[in-house]
Each structure stands twice: as C-alpha cells, then as structure tokens.
PDB file of N, CA and C in Angstrom:
ATOM      1  N   MET A   1       0.841  -1.172   0.000  1.00  0.00           N
ATOM      2  CA  MET A   1       0.000   0.000   0.000  1.00  0.00           C
ATOM      3  C   MET A   1       0.890   1.241   0.000  1.00  0.00           C
ATOM      4  N   ILE A   2       0.467   2.239  -0.729  1.00  0.00           N
ATOM      5  CA  ILE A   2       1.171   3.521  -0.796  1.00  0.00           C
ATOM      6  C   ILE A   2       0.316   4.544  -0.057  1.00  0.00           C
ATOM      7  N   ILE A   3       0.946   5.302   0.827  1.00  0.00           N
ATOM      8  CA  ILE A   3       0.228   6.372   1.534  1.00  0.00           C
ATOM      9  C   ILE A   3       0.728   7.694   0.974  1.00  0.00           C
ATOM     10  N   THR A   4      -0.144   8.377   0.252  1.00  0.00           N
ATOM     11  CA  THR A   4       0.222   9.642  -0.381  1.00  0.00           C
ATOM     12  C   THR A   4      -0.751  10.728   0.077  1.00  0.00           C
ATOM     13  N   GLY A   5      -0.226  11.735   0.722  1.00  0.00           N
ATOM     14  CA  GLY A   5      -1.063  12.823   1.215  1.00  0.00           C
ATOM     15  C   GLY A   5      -2.133  12.352   2.174  1.00  0.00           C
ATOM     16  N   GLY A   6      -1.852  11.305   2.950  1.00  0.00           N
ATOM     17  CA  GLY A   6      -2.815  10.781   3.907  1.00  0.00           C
ATOM     18  C   GLY A   6      -3.843   9.829   3.313  1.00  0.00           C
ATOM     19  N   GLU A   7      -3.775   9.583   2.022  1.00  0.00           N
ATOM     20  CA  GLU A   7      -4.703   8.669   1.350  1.00  0.00           C
ATOM     21  C   GLU A   7      -4.013   7.337   1.084  1.00  0.00           C
ATOM     22  N   ASN A   8      -4.748   6.256   1.258  1.00  0.00           N
ATOM     23  CA  ASN A   8      -4.224   4.922   0.958  1.00  0.00           C
ATOM     24  C   ASN A   8      -4.507   4.589  -0.502  1.00  0.00           C
ATOM     25  N   VAL A   9      -3.458   4.173  -1.201  1.00  0.00           N
ATOM     26  CA  VAL A   9      -3.603   3.779  -2.601  1.00  0.00           C
ATOM     27  C   VAL A   9      -3.018   2.376  -2.744  1.00  0.00           C
ATOM     28  N   TYR A  10      -3.815   1.486  -3.293  1.00  0.00           N
ATOM     29  CA  TYR A  10      -3.354   0.121  -3.516  1.00  0.00           C
ATOM     30  C   TYR A  10      -2.745   0.027  -4.917  1.00  0.00           C
ATOM     31  N   PRO A  11      -1.472  -0.321  -5.012  1.00  0.00           N
ATOM     32  CA  PRO A  11      -0.810  -0.389  -6.315  1.00  0.00           C
ATOM     33  C   PRO A  11      -1.566  -1.233  -7.331  1.00  0.00           C
ATOM     34  N   ARG A  12      -2.144  -2.325  -6.894  1.00  0.00           N
ATOM     35  CA  ARG A  12      -2.843  -3.219  -7.815  1.00  0.00           C
ATOM     36  C   ARG A  12      -3.972  -2.501  -8.551  1.00  0.00           C
ATOM     37  N   GLU A  13      -4.679  -1.608  -7.863  1.00  0.00           N
ATOM     38  CA  GLU A  13      -5.774  -0.865  -8.482  1.00  0.00           C
ATOM     39  C   GLU A  13      -5.263   0.009  -9.632  1.00  0.00           C
ATOM     40  N   VAL A  14      -4.137   0.665  -9.412  1.00  0.00           N
ATOM     41  CA  VAL A  14      -3.549   1.520 -10.449  1.00  0.00           C
ATOM     42  C   VAL A  14      -2.992   0.650 -11.586  1.00  0.00           C
ATOM     43  N   GLU A  15      -2.368  -0.454 -11.231  1.00  0.00           N
ATOM     44  CA  GLU A  15      -1.820  -1.366 -12.254  1.00  0.00           C
ATOM     45  C   GLU A  15      -2.917  -1.911 -13.161  1.00  0.00           C
ATOM     46  N   GLU A  16      -4.067  -2.222 -12.594  1.00  0.00           N
ATOM     47  CA  GLU A  16      -5.175  -2.732 -13.403  1.00  0.00           C
ATOM     48  C   GLU A  16      -5.614  -1.711 -14.445  1.00  0.00           C
ATOM     49  N   VAL A  17      -5.599  -0.442 -14.085  1.00  0.00           N
ATOM     50  CA  VAL A  17      -5.924   0.612 -15.047  1.00  0.00           C
ATOM     51  C   VAL A  17      -4.830   0.689 -16.112  1.00  0.00           C
ATOM     52  N   LEU A  18      -3.569   0.649 -15.695  1.00  0.00           N
ATOM     53  CA  LEU A  18      -2.465   0.724 -16.653  1.00  0.00           C
ATOM     54  C   LEU A  18      -2.531  -0.413 -17.667  1.00  0.00           C
ATOM     55  N   TYR A  19      -2.887  -1.604 -17.220  1.00  0.00           N
ATOM     56  CA  TYR A  19      -2.953  -2.746 -18.123  1.00  0.00           C
ATOM     57  C   TYR A  19      -4.063  -2.625 -19.163  1.00  0.00           C
ATOM     58  N   THR A  20      -5.006  -1.705 -18.977  1.00  0.00           N
ATOM     59  CA  THR A  20      -6.044  -1.503 -19.991  1.00  0.00           C
ATOM     60  C   THR A  20      -5.566  -0.570 -21.111  1.00  0.00           C
ATOM     61  N   HIS A  21      -4.409   0.070 -20.927  1.00  0.00           N
ATOM     62  CA  HIS A  21      -3.848   0.938 -21.972  1.00  0.00           C
ATOM     63  C   HIS A  21      -3.367   0.054 -23.119  1.00  0.00           C
ATOM     64  N   PRO A  22      -3.735   0.364 -24.351  1.00  0.00           N
ATOM     65  CA  PRO A  22      -3.406  -0.519 -25.472  1.00  0.00           C
ATOM     66  C   PRO A  22      -1.913  -0.680 -25.764  1.00  0.00           C
ATOM     67  N   LEU A  23      -1.067   0.240 -25.327  1.00  0.00           N
ATOM     68  CA  LEU A  23       0.366   0.155 -25.630  1.00  0.00           C
ATOM     69  C   LEU A  23       1.194  -0.473 -24.511  1.00  0.00           C
ATOM     70  N   ILE A  24       0.590  -0.653 -23.332  1.00  0.00           N
ATOM     71  CA  ILE A  24       1.346  -1.159 -22.184  1.00  0.00           C
ATOM     72  C   ILE A  24       1.318  -2.683 -22.152  1.00  0.00           C
ATOM     73  N   VAL A  25       2.525  -3.271 -22.085  1.00  0.00           N
ATOM     74  CA  VAL A  25       2.679  -4.726 -22.001  1.00  0.00           C
ATOM     75  C   VAL A  25       2.810  -5.158 -20.551  1.00  0.00           C
ATOM     76  N   GLU A  26       3.627  -4.430 -19.788  1.00  0.00           N
ATOM     77  CA  GLU A  26       3.847  -4.730 -18.369  1.00  0.00           C
ATOM     78  C   GLU A  26       3.801  -3.428 -17.582  1.00  0.00           C
ATOM     79  N   ALA A  27       3.345  -3.526 -16.342  1.00  0.00           N
ATOM     80  CA  ALA A  27       3.285  -2.341 -15.497  1.00  0.00           C
ATOM     81  C   ALA A  27       3.442  -2.726 -14.035  1.00  0.00           C
ATOM     82  N   ALA A  28       4.083  -1.845 -13.285  1.00  0.00           N
ATOM     83  CA  ALA A  28       4.186  -1.988 -11.834  1.00  0.00           C
ATOM     84  C   ALA A  28       4.083  -0.589 -11.244  1.00  0.00           C
ATOM     85  N   VAL A  29       3.490  -0.502 -10.074  1.00  0.00           N
ATOM     86  CA  VAL A  29       3.331   0.779  -9.388  1.00  0.00           C
ATOM     87  C   VAL A  29       4.023   0.692  -8.049  1.00  0.00           C
ATOM     88  N   ILE A  30       4.842   1.707  -7.762  1.00  0.00           N
ATOM     89  CA  ILE A  30       5.576   1.756  -6.498  1.00  0.00           C
ATOM     90  C   ILE A  30       5.405   3.138  -5.876  1.00  0.00           C
ATOM     91  N   GLY A  31       5.678   3.215  -4.585  1.00  0.00           N
ATOM     92  CA  GLY A  31       5.703   4.492  -3.897  1.00  0.00           C
ATOM     93  C   GLY A  31       7.143   4.965  -3.814  1.00  0.00           C
ATOM     94  N   VAL A  32       7.361   6.237  -4.138  1.00  0.00           N
ATOM     95  CA  VAL A  32       8.698   6.829  -4.046  1.00  0.00           C
ATOM     96  C   VAL A  32       8.641   8.018  -3.086  1.00  0.00           C
ATOM     97  N   PRO A  33       9.744   8.314  -2.410  1.00  0.00           N
ATOM     98  CA  PRO A  33       9.736   9.419  -1.454  1.00  0.00           C
ATOM     99  C   PRO A  33       9.335  10.742  -2.109  1.00  0.00           C
ATOM    100  N   ASP A  34       8.532  11.515  -1.391  1.00  0.00           N
ATOM    101  CA  ASP A  34       8.100  12.822  -1.870  1.00  0.00           C
ATOM    102  C   ASP A  34       8.050  13.767  -0.674  1.00  0.00           C
ATOM    103  N   PRO A  35       8.712  14.918  -0.766  1.00  0.00           N
ATOM    104  CA  PRO A  35       8.760  15.820   0.390  1.00  0.00           C
ATOM    105  C   PRO A  35       7.403  16.400   0.778  1.00  0.00           C
ATOM    106  N   ARG A  36       6.505  16.552  -0.172  1.00  0.00           N
ATOM    107  CA  ARG A  36       5.197  17.136   0.121  1.00  0.00           C
ATOM    108  C   ARG A  36       4.166  16.097   0.538  1.00  0.00           C
ATOM    109  N   TRP A  37       4.122  14.955  -0.151  1.00  0.00           N
ATOM    110  CA  TRP A  37       3.075  13.974   0.048  1.00  0.00           C
ATOM    111  C   TRP A  37       3.503  12.767   0.866  1.00  0.00           C
ATOM    112  N   GLY A  38       4.761  12.681   1.244  1.00  0.00           N
ATOM    113  CA  GLY A  38       5.256  11.504   1.951  1.00  0.00           C
ATOM    114  C   GLY A  38       5.732  10.473   0.948  1.00  0.00           C
ATOM    115  N   GLU A  39       4.804  10.000   0.133  1.00  0.00           N
ATOM    116  CA  GLU A  39       5.126   9.109  -0.981  1.00  0.00           C
ATOM    117  C   GLU A  39       4.372   9.598  -2.212  1.00  0.00           C
ATOM    118  N   ALA A  40       5.003   9.432  -3.352  1.00  0.00           N
ATOM    119  CA  ALA A  40       4.342   9.727  -4.623  1.00  0.00           C
ATOM    120  C   ALA A  40       4.212   8.422  -5.394  1.00  0.00           C
ATOM    121  N   ILE A  41       3.194   8.348  -6.213  1.00  0.00           N
ATOM    122  CA  ILE A  41       2.952   7.143  -6.996  1.00  0.00           C
ATOM    123  C   ILE A  41       3.767   7.219  -8.280  1.00  0.00           C
ATOM    124  N   LYS A  42       4.542   6.174  -8.519  1.00  0.00           N
ATOM    125  CA  LYS A  42       5.354   6.086  -9.732  1.00  0.00           C
ATOM    126  C   LYS A  42       4.962   4.814 -10.471  1.00  0.00           C
ATOM    127  N   ALA A  43       4.710   4.953 -11.757  1.00  0.00           N
ATOM    128  CA  ALA A  43       4.415   3.803 -12.611  1.00  0.00           C
ATOM    129  C   ALA A  43       5.676   3.459 -13.394  1.00  0.00           C
ATOM    130  N   VAL A  44       5.994   2.180 -13.433  1.00  0.00           N
ATOM    131  CA  VAL A  44       7.101   1.686 -14.249  1.00  0.00           C
ATOM    132  C   VAL A  44       6.447   0.798 -15.297  1.00  0.00           C
ATOM    133  N   VAL A  45       6.604   1.177 -16.571  1.00  0.00           N
ATOM    134  CA  VAL A  45       5.880   0.474 -17.628  1.00  0.00           C
ATOM    135  C   VAL A  45       6.800   0.065 -18.776  1.00  0.00           C
ATOM    136  N   ALA A  46       6.438  -1.036 -19.393  1.00  0.00           N
ATOM    137  CA  ALA A  46       7.071  -1.493 -20.625  1.00  0.00           C
ATOM    138  C   ALA A  46       6.005  -1.431 -21.712  1.00  0.00           C
ATOM    139  N   LEU A  47       6.370  -0.812 -22.832  1.00  0.00           N
ATOM    140  CA  LEU A  47       5.426  -0.655 -23.937  1.00  0.00           C
ATOM    141  C   LEU A  47       5.607  -1.747 -24.987  1.00  0.00           C
ATOM    142  N   GLU A  48       4.615  -1.859 -25.855  1.00  0.00           N
ATOM    143  CA  GLU A  48       4.714  -2.750 -27.016  1.00  0.00           C
ATOM    144  C   GLU A  48       5.967  -2.374 -27.807  1.00  0.00           C
ATOM    145  N   PRO A  49       6.594  -3.340 -28.470  1.00  0.00           N
ATOM    146  CA  PRO A  49       7.763  -3.005 -29.300  1.00  0.00           C
ATOM    147  C   PRO A  49       7.403  -1.934 -30.335  1.00  0.00           C
ATOM    148  N   ASP A  50       8.292  -0.975 -30.487  1.00  0.00           N
ATOM    149  CA  ASP A  50       8.143   0.133 -31.449  1.00  0.00           C
ATOM    150  C   ASP A  50       6.978   1.068 -31.134  1.00  0.00           C
ATOM    151  N   ALA A  51       6.389   0.957 -29.956  1.00  0.00           N
ATOM    152  CA  ALA A  51       5.307   1.864 -29.559  1.00  0.00           C
ATOM    153  C   ALA A  51       5.923   3.084 -28.881  1.00  0.00           C
ATOM    154  N   ALA A  52       5.206   4.172 -28.933  1.00  0.00           N
ATOM    155  CA  ALA A  52       5.673   5.396 -28.285  1.00  0.00           C
ATOM    156  C   ALA A  52       4.524   6.017 -27.502  1.00  0.00           C
ATOM    157  N   ALA A  53       4.819   6.399 -26.287  1.00  0.00           N
ATOM    158  CA  ALA A  53       3.863   7.115 -25.438  1.00  0.00           C
ATOM    159  C   ALA A  53       4.676   7.997 -24.513  1.00  0.00           C
ATOM    160  N   SER A  54       4.105   9.092 -24.103  1.00  0.00           N
ATOM    161  CA  SER A  54       4.801   9.994 -23.192  1.00  0.00           C
ATOM    162  C   SER A  54       4.274   9.812 -21.769  1.00  0.00           C
ATOM    163  N   GLU A  55       5.021  10.340 -20.832  1.00  0.00           N
ATOM    164  CA  GLU A  55       4.588  10.325 -19.440  1.00  0.00           C
ATOM    165  C   GLU A  55       3.220  11.001 -19.329  1.00  0.00           C
ATOM    166  N   ARG A  56       3.065  12.091 -20.027  1.00  0.00           N
ATOM    167  CA  ARG A  56       1.802  12.837 -20.013  1.00  0.00           C
ATOM    168  C   ARG A  56       0.641  11.987 -20.539  1.00  0.00           C
ATOM    169  N   ASP A  57       0.895  11.209 -21.600  1.00  0.00           N
ATOM    170  CA  ASP A  57      -0.143  10.331 -22.162  1.00  0.00           C
ATOM    171  C   ASP A  57      -0.628   9.321 -21.127  1.00  0.00           C
ATOM    172  N   ILE A  58       0.329   8.686 -20.446  1.00  0.00           N
ATOM    173  CA  ILE A  58      -0.012   7.632 -19.486  1.00  0.00           C
ATOM    174  C   ILE A  58      -0.762   8.219 -18.290  1.00  0.00           C
ATOM    175  N   ILE A  59      -0.276   9.329 -17.767  1.00  0.00           N
ATOM    176  CA  ILE A  59      -0.942   9.955 -16.614  1.00  0.00           C
ATOM    177  C   ILE A  59      -2.341  10.427 -17.013  1.00  0.00           C
ATOM    178  N   GLY A  60      -2.482  11.024 -18.187  1.00  0.00           N
ATOM    179  CA  GLY A  60      -3.794  11.470 -18.676  1.00  0.00           C
ATOM    180  C   GLY A  60      -4.760  10.316 -18.834  1.00  0.00           C
ATOM    181  N   PHE A  61      -4.263   9.189 -19.328  1.00  0.00           N
ATOM    182  CA  PHE A  61      -5.091   7.983 -19.475  1.00  0.00           C
ATOM    183  C   PHE A  61      -5.627   7.553 -18.112  1.00  0.00           C
ATOM    184  N   CYS A  62      -4.755   7.550 -17.102  1.00  0.00           N
ATOM    185  CA  CYS A  62      -5.166   7.141 -15.754  1.00  0.00           C
ATOM    186  C   CYS A  62      -6.179   8.114 -15.162  1.00  0.00           C
ATOM    187  N   ARG A  63      -5.982   9.401 -15.407  1.00  0.00           N
ATOM    188  CA  ARG A  63      -6.896  10.418 -14.848  1.00  0.00           C
ATOM    189  C   ARG A  63      -8.333  10.225 -15.332  1.00  0.00           C
ATOM    190  N   LYS A  64      -8.482   9.660 -16.525  1.00  0.00           N
ATOM    191  CA  LYS A  64      -9.826   9.422 -17.064  1.00  0.00           C
ATOM    192  C   LYS A  64     -10.505   8.232 -16.397  1.00  0.00           C
ATOM    193  N   LYS A  65      -9.725   7.380 -15.726  1.00  0.00           N
ATOM    194  CA  LYS A  65     -10.263   6.123 -15.203  1.00  0.00           C
ATOM    195  C   LYS A  65     -10.324   6.038 -13.677  1.00  0.00           C
ATOM    196  N   ILE A  66      -9.439   6.766 -12.982  1.00  0.00           N
ATOM    197  CA  ILE A  66      -9.412   6.709 -11.517  1.00  0.00           C
ATOM    198  C   ILE A  66      -9.217   8.106 -10.944  1.00  0.00           C
ATOM    199  N   GLY A  67      -9.442   8.241  -9.649  1.00  0.00           N
ATOM    200  CA  GLY A  67      -9.304   9.523  -8.978  1.00  0.00           C
ATOM    201  C   GLY A  67      -7.899  10.104  -9.097  1.00  0.00           C
ATOM    202  N   GLY A  68      -7.804  11.398  -9.120  1.00  0.00           N
ATOM    203  CA  GLY A  68      -6.528  12.084  -9.294  1.00  0.00           C
ATOM    204  C   GLY A  68      -5.461  11.707  -8.286  1.00  0.00           C
ATOM    205  N   PHE A  69      -5.859  11.483  -7.028  1.00  0.00           N
ATOM    206  CA  PHE A  69      -4.853  11.152  -6.009  1.00  0.00           C
ATOM    207  C   PHE A  69      -4.287   9.752  -6.215  1.00  0.00           C
ATOM    208  N   LYS A  70      -4.961   8.916  -7.012  1.00  0.00           N
ATOM    209  CA  LYS A  70      -4.475   7.557  -7.285  1.00  0.00           C
ATOM    210  C   LYS A  70      -3.600   7.492  -8.536  1.00  0.00           C
ATOM    211  N   CYS A  71      -3.602   8.553  -9.333  1.00  0.00           N
ATOM    212  CA  CYS A  71      -2.848   8.556 -10.586  1.00  0.00           C
ATOM    213  C   CYS A  71      -1.353   8.679 -10.328  1.00  0.00           C
ATOM    214  N   PRO A  72      -0.555   8.062 -11.178  1.00  0.00           N
ATOM    215  CA  PRO A  72       0.895   8.214 -11.042  1.00  0.00           C
ATOM    216  C   PRO A  72       1.294   9.676 -11.187  1.00  0.00           C
ATOM    217  N   LYS A  73       2.271  10.086 -10.404  1.00  0.00           N
ATOM    218  CA  LYS A  73       2.829  11.435 -10.522  1.00  0.00           C
ATOM    219  C   LYS A  73       3.986  11.430 -11.510  1.00  0.00           C
ATOM    220  N   SER A  74       4.546  10.236 -11.744  1.00  0.00           N
ATOM    221  CA  SER A  74       5.623  10.093 -12.716  1.00  0.00           C
ATOM    222  C   SER A  74       5.543   8.706 -13.333  1.00  0.00           C
ATOM    223  N   VAL A  75       6.136   8.588 -14.519  1.00  0.00           N
ATOM    224  CA  VAL A  75       6.156   7.317 -15.247  1.00  0.00           C
ATOM    225  C   VAL A  75       7.578   7.067 -15.721  1.00  0.00           C
ATOM    226  N   GLN A  76       8.057   5.883 -15.479  1.00  0.00           N
ATOM    227  CA  GLN A  76       9.377   5.462 -15.952  1.00  0.00           C
ATOM    228  C   GLN A  76       9.162   4.387 -17.013  1.00  0.00           C
ATOM    229  N   PHE A  77       9.747   4.590 -18.193  1.00  0.00           N
ATOM    230  CA  PHE A  77       9.623   3.612 -19.269  1.00  0.00           C
ATOM    231  C   PHE A  77      10.851   2.702 -19.260  1.00  0.00           C
ATOM    232  N   VAL A  78      10.611   1.401 -19.343  1.00  0.00           N
ATOM    233  CA  VAL A  78      11.690   0.409 -19.347  1.00  0.00           C
ATOM    234  C   VAL A  78      11.422  -0.602 -20.465  1.00  0.00           C
ATOM    235  N   GLN A  79      12.467  -1.341 -20.839  1.00  0.00           N
ATOM    236  CA  GLN A  79      12.308  -2.389 -21.848  1.00  0.00           C
ATOM    237  C   GLN A  79      11.487  -3.544 -21.287  1.00  0.00           C
ATOM    238  N   ASP A  80      11.845  -3.966 -20.076  1.00  0.00           N
ATOM    239  CA  ASP A  80      11.089  -5.007 -19.381  1.00  0.00           C
ATOM    240  C   ASP A  80      11.305  -4.852 -17.884  1.00  0.00           C
ATOM    241  N   LEU A  81      10.413  -5.442 -17.134  1.00  0.00           N
ATOM    242  CA  LEU A  81      10.462  -5.324 -15.677  1.00  0.00           C
ATOM    243  C   LEU A  81      11.217  -6.515 -15.089  1.00  0.00           C
ATOM    244  N   PRO A  82      11.960  -6.295 -13.987  1.00  0.00           N
ATOM    245  CA  PRO A  82      12.682  -7.419 -13.367  1.00  0.00           C
ATOM    246  C   PRO A  82      11.700  -8.417 -12.767  1.00  0.00           C
ATOM    247  N   LYS A  83      11.981  -9.707 -13.001  1.00  0.00           N
ATOM    248  CA  LYS A  83      11.078 -10.752 -12.509  1.00  0.00           C
ATOM    249  C   LYS A  83      11.885 -11.875 -11.863  1.00  0.00           C
ATOM    250  N   ASN A  84      11.229 -12.603 -10.977  1.00  0.00           N
ATOM    251  CA  ASN A  84      11.844 -13.795 -10.391  1.00  0.00           C
ATOM    252  C   ASN A  84      11.643 -14.963 -11.361  1.00  0.00           C
ATOM    253  N   PRO A  85      12.224 -16.125 -11.069  1.00  0.00           N
ATOM    254  CA  PRO A  85      12.080 -17.260 -11.987  1.00  0.00           C
ATOM    255  C   PRO A  85      10.627 -17.679 -12.255  1.00  0.00           C
ATOM    256  N   ALA A  86       9.729 -17.377 -11.332  1.00  0.00           N
ATOM    257  CA  ALA A  86       8.317 -17.722 -11.526  1.00  0.00           C
ATOM    258  C   ALA A  86       7.576 -16.670 -12.359  1.00  0.00           C
ATOM    259  N   GLY A  87       8.261 -15.573 -12.725  1.00  0.00           N
ATOM    260  CA  GLY A  87       7.651 -14.542 -13.549  1.00  0.00           C
ATOM    261  C   GLY A  87       7.000 -13.407 -12.779  1.00  0.00           C
ATOM    262  N   LYS A  88       7.142 -13.394 -11.457  1.00  0.00           N
ATOM    263  CA  LYS A  88       6.554 -12.326 -10.649  1.00  0.00           C
ATOM    264  C   LYS A  88       7.460 -11.083 -10.706  1.00  0.00           C
ATOM    265  N   ILE A  89       6.844  -9.924 -10.885  1.00  0.00           N
ATOM    266  CA  ILE A  89       7.597  -8.668 -10.948  1.00  0.00           C
ATOM    267  C   ILE A  89       8.200  -8.371  -9.579  1.00  0.00           C
ATOM    268  N   LEU A  90       9.484  -8.011  -9.586  1.00  0.00           N
ATOM    269  CA  LEU A  90      10.217  -7.733  -8.341  1.00  0.00           C
ATOM    270  C   LEU A  90      10.143  -6.243  -8.014  1.00  0.00           C
ATOM    271  N   LYS A  91       9.130  -5.880  -7.247  1.00  0.00           N
ATOM    272  CA  LYS A  91       8.933  -4.468  -6.912  1.00  0.00           C
ATOM    273  C   LYS A  91      10.041  -3.925  -6.013  1.00  0.00           C
ATOM    274  N   LYS A  92      10.643  -4.787  -5.192  1.00  0.00           N
ATOM    275  CA  LYS A  92      11.754  -4.331  -4.356  1.00  0.00           C
ATOM    276  C   LYS A  92      12.912  -3.847  -5.215  1.00  0.00           C
ATOM    277  N   GLU A  93      13.152  -4.528  -6.316  1.00  0.00           N
ATOM    278  CA  GLU A  93      14.204  -4.112  -7.247  1.00  0.00           C
ATOM    279  C   GLU A  93      13.853  -2.756  -7.876  1.00  0.00           C
ATOM    280  N   LEU A  94      12.600  -2.584  -8.236  1.00  0.00           N
ATOM    281  CA  LEU A  94      12.164  -1.318  -8.818  1.00  0.00           C
ATOM    282  C   LEU A  94      12.321  -0.182  -7.820  1.00  0.00           C
ATOM    283  N   LYS A  95      11.964  -0.437  -6.571  1.00  0.00           N
ATOM    284  CA  LYS A  95      12.118   0.603  -5.543  1.00  0.00           C
ATOM    285  C   LYS A  95      13.583   0.994  -5.380  1.00  0.00           C
ATOM    286  N   LYS A  96      14.484  -0.001  -5.420  1.00  0.00           N
ATOM    287  CA  LYS A  96      15.922   0.303  -5.326  1.00  0.00           C
ATOM    288  C   LYS A  96      16.373   1.176  -6.490  1.00  0.00           C
ATOM    289  N   LEU A  97      15.892   0.859  -7.677  1.00  0.00           N
ATOM    290  CA  LEU A  97      16.307   1.590  -8.882  1.00  0.00           C
ATOM    291  C   LEU A  97      15.739   3.000  -8.944  1.00  0.00           C
ATOM    292  N   PHE A  98      14.483   3.161  -8.565  1.00  0.00           N
ATOM    293  CA  PHE A  98      13.778   4.418  -8.840  1.00  0.00           C
ATOM    294  C   PHE A  98      13.371   5.226  -7.616  1.00  0.00           C
ATOM    295  N   SER A  99      13.777   4.839  -6.426  1.00  0.00           N
ATOM    296  CA  SER A  99      13.378   5.568  -5.220  1.00  0.00           C
ATOM    297  C   SER A  99      14.498   6.453  -4.679  1.00  0.00           C
ATOM    298  N   SER A 100      15.239   7.082  -5.572  1.00  0.00           N
ATOM    299  CA  SER A 100      16.278   7.970  -5.078  1.00  0.00           C
ATOM    300  C   SER A 100      15.621   9.137  -4.355  1.00  0.00           C
ATOM    301  N   PRO A 101      16.254   9.639  -3.294  1.00  0.00           N
ATOM    302  CA  PRO A 101      15.649  10.732  -2.524  1.00  0.00           C
ATOM    303  C   PRO A 101      15.451  11.971  -3.392  1.00  0.00           C
ATOM    304  N   PRO A 102      14.383  12.723  -3.153  1.00  0.00           N
ATOM    305  CA  PRO A 102      14.126  13.942  -3.940  1.00  0.00           C
ATOM    306  C   PRO A 102      15.232  14.968  -3.726  1.00  0.00           C
ATOM    307  N   GLN A 103      15.490  15.756  -4.747  1.00  0.00           N
ATOM    308  CA  GLN A 103      16.573  16.738  -4.670  1.00  0.00           C
ATOM    309  C   GLN A 103      16.041  18.130  -4.529  1.00  0.00           C
TER     310      GLN A 103
END
C-alpha cells in the first residue's frame, strides 16, 4: 500500500488501469519518497515493441479512469520489468532503482 497525502492507494488498483492501456505490455506501481506527500505514486511500464507514449499520455489515461490522487505522478519507461524465476515482478528491485531521494 502507498500512503500519499494521507490517502491509501493500492498499487494493484492503479496497475489494473495501466494494463487496460493498449500500448502497455507490463506495469508496476511503487511508492517513491516525496517531500510534500510523503510518498508519490510512480508507474514503471514497458510498452509494445516500437510503440511510443509519453509520461503525459499515461498519466492522462489514468486520470480518465481513476481519482486524481491515485494517478501516477511520474512514469518510468523500461524495456522489461525485473522478474523472479516464476515470472513475478520484483517491486523491491524497482524501488531500489527508482526511489532515489528527492533533490
């Protein structure tokens, strides 16, 4: 669970919305440190080969489907997401990669 601005956000709920985007192949949602909100929602997504989408496109897509406080504040595009041998996405690895302290 991510606590952002005193609101509880379940990553799975945001991921389910991301998976309905026609260009997204894989998605994971993590909480990253934020000086104002405590944690901010970050989406890490892999797109279809040769597909192009911007951070703004993905966030706008989410805003149409879920409440604003549940939408990602940032989007990181990757080729593929780290997984264990069983194919489960390793969110701890994503947090290590993308949770650098705010500057």
